[in-house]
Amino acid sequence: MKLEIIKNEKSELEFSVEGERHTVPNLLREKLSQNSDVEFVAYRLNHPLDQKAMFVLKTKGSAKKVLEDTVKEIQKDIDEFKKGFEKVK
């Protein structure tokens, strides 16, 4: 998976996530939308078979920091899920 920043302003980011269709982008969009600093977040695929999700993120503060914090939160959730799953084995 590759992330490419297209537009980087203080409160607005446009970026792409290459190698993903809906699973990871939808998770990221959902987590971002739960953040009270996020004013707008959406992604799109330019073509139904496309493997590159294009995001727009607008925030009240630093969009880059909100994105970084959200990715860390997702990673933490995945780690917790993995630990719980390993206990069940």
Protein backbone atom coordinates (compact mmCIF):
# COMPACT_ATOMS: atom_id res chain seq x y z
CA MET A 1 0.00 0.00 0.00
CA LYS A 2 1.38 3.40 -0.98
CA LEU A 3 0.22 6.81 0.23
CA GLU A 4 0.84 9.87 -1.95
CA ILE A 5 0.17 13.45 -0.82
CA ILE A 6 -1.32 15.52 -3.65
CA LYS A 7 -2.26 18.71 -1.78
CA ASN A 8 -0.86 19.63 1.64
CA GLU A 9 -2.28 22.73 3.29
CA LYS A 10 -2.65 23.32 7.02
CA SER A 11 -6.29 22.32 7.29
CA GLU A 12 -6.72 20.43 4.02
CA LEU A 13 -5.12 17.32 2.57
CA GLU A 14 -5.68 15.56 -0.70
CA PHE A 15 -3.98 12.19 -0.91
CA SER A 16 -4.23 8.81 -2.56
CA VAL A 17 -3.96 5.32 -1.14
CA GLU A 18 -2.68 3.04 -3.88
CA GLY A 19 -3.24 -0.70 -3.83
CA GLU A 20 -6.59 -0.55 -2.05
CA ARG A 21 -10.20 -0.43 -3.21
CA HIS A 22 -12.71 -0.06 -0.39
CA THR A 23 -11.68 -2.01 2.71
CA VAL A 24 -8.86 0.17 4.05
CA PRO A 25 -10.15 3.46 2.59
CA ASN A 26 -13.59 2.92 4.11
CA LEU A 27 -12.05 2.11 7.52
CA LEU A 28 -9.88 5.24 7.31
CA ARG A 29 -12.82 7.42 6.25
CA GLU A 30 -14.98 6.06 9.07
CA LYS A 31 -12.31 6.62 11.74
CA LEU A 32 -11.54 10.12 10.43
CA SER A 33 -15.23 11.07 10.45
CA GLN A 34 -15.40 10.19 14.17
CA ASN A 35 -12.80 12.85 14.98
CA SER A 36 -14.37 16.12 16.16
CA ASP A 37 -11.66 18.14 14.33
CA VAL A 38 -12.71 16.74 10.94
CA GLU A 39 -15.06 18.98 8.99
CA PHE A 40 -15.14 16.86 5.81
CA VAL A 41 -13.68 13.57 4.63
CA ALA A 42 -14.45 11.54 1.53
CA TYR A 43 -12.77 9.22 -0.92
CA ARG A 44 -13.50 8.07 -4.43
CA LEU A 45 -12.30 5.60 -6.99
CA ASN A 46 -11.99 7.04 -10.48
CA HIS A 47 -13.02 3.73 -12.03
CA PRO A 48 -14.84 0.67 -10.59
CA LEU A 49 -11.73 -1.49 -11.12
CA ASP A 50 -9.32 1.17 -9.86
CA GLN A 51 -6.88 0.27 -7.08
CA LYS A 52 -6.25 3.88 -6.03
CA ALA A 53 -8.54 5.65 -3.55
CA MET A 54 -8.44 9.46 -3.75
CA PHE A 55 -9.11 11.25 -0.43
CA VAL A 56 -10.08 14.79 0.53
CA LEU A 57 -9.70 15.70 4.21
CA LYS A 58 -10.64 19.09 5.69
CA THR A 59 -10.10 19.80 9.37
CA LYS A 60 -10.32 22.59 11.95
CA GLY A 61 -6.60 22.27 12.75
CA SER A 62 -3.68 20.42 11.19
CA ALA A 63 -5.02 17.90 8.67
CA LYS A 64 -1.71 16.05 8.57
CA LYS A 65 -1.69 15.59 12.37
CA VAL A 66 -5.31 14.37 12.34
CA LEU A 67 -4.42 11.82 9.65
CA GLU A 68 -1.31 10.66 11.52
CA ASP A 69 -3.22 10.31 14.81
CA THR A 70 -6.03 8.40 13.10
CA VAL A 71 -3.62 5.95 11.46
CA LYS A 72 -1.99 5.35 14.86
CA GLU A 73 -5.44 4.74 16.38
CA ILE A 74 -6.30 2.23 13.65
CA GLN A 75 -2.99 0.44 14.23
CA LYS A 76 -3.71 0.28 17.96
CA ASP A 77 -7.18 -1.19 17.27
CA ILE A 78 -5.65 -3.81 14.96
CA ASP A 79 -3.03 -4.74 17.57
CA GLU A 80 -5.72 -5.13 20.25
CA PHE A 81 -7.83 -7.27 17.92
CA LYS A 82 -4.82 -9.44 17.11
CA LYS A 83 -4.04 -9.98 20.83
CA GLY A 84 -7.67 -10.88 21.52
CA PHE A 85 -7.74 -13.25 18.56
CA GLU A 86 -4.54 -14.98 19.68
CA LYS A 87 -6.07 -15.59 23.15
CA VAL A 88 -8.99 -17.40 21.54
CA LYS A 89 -6.76 -19.76 19.53
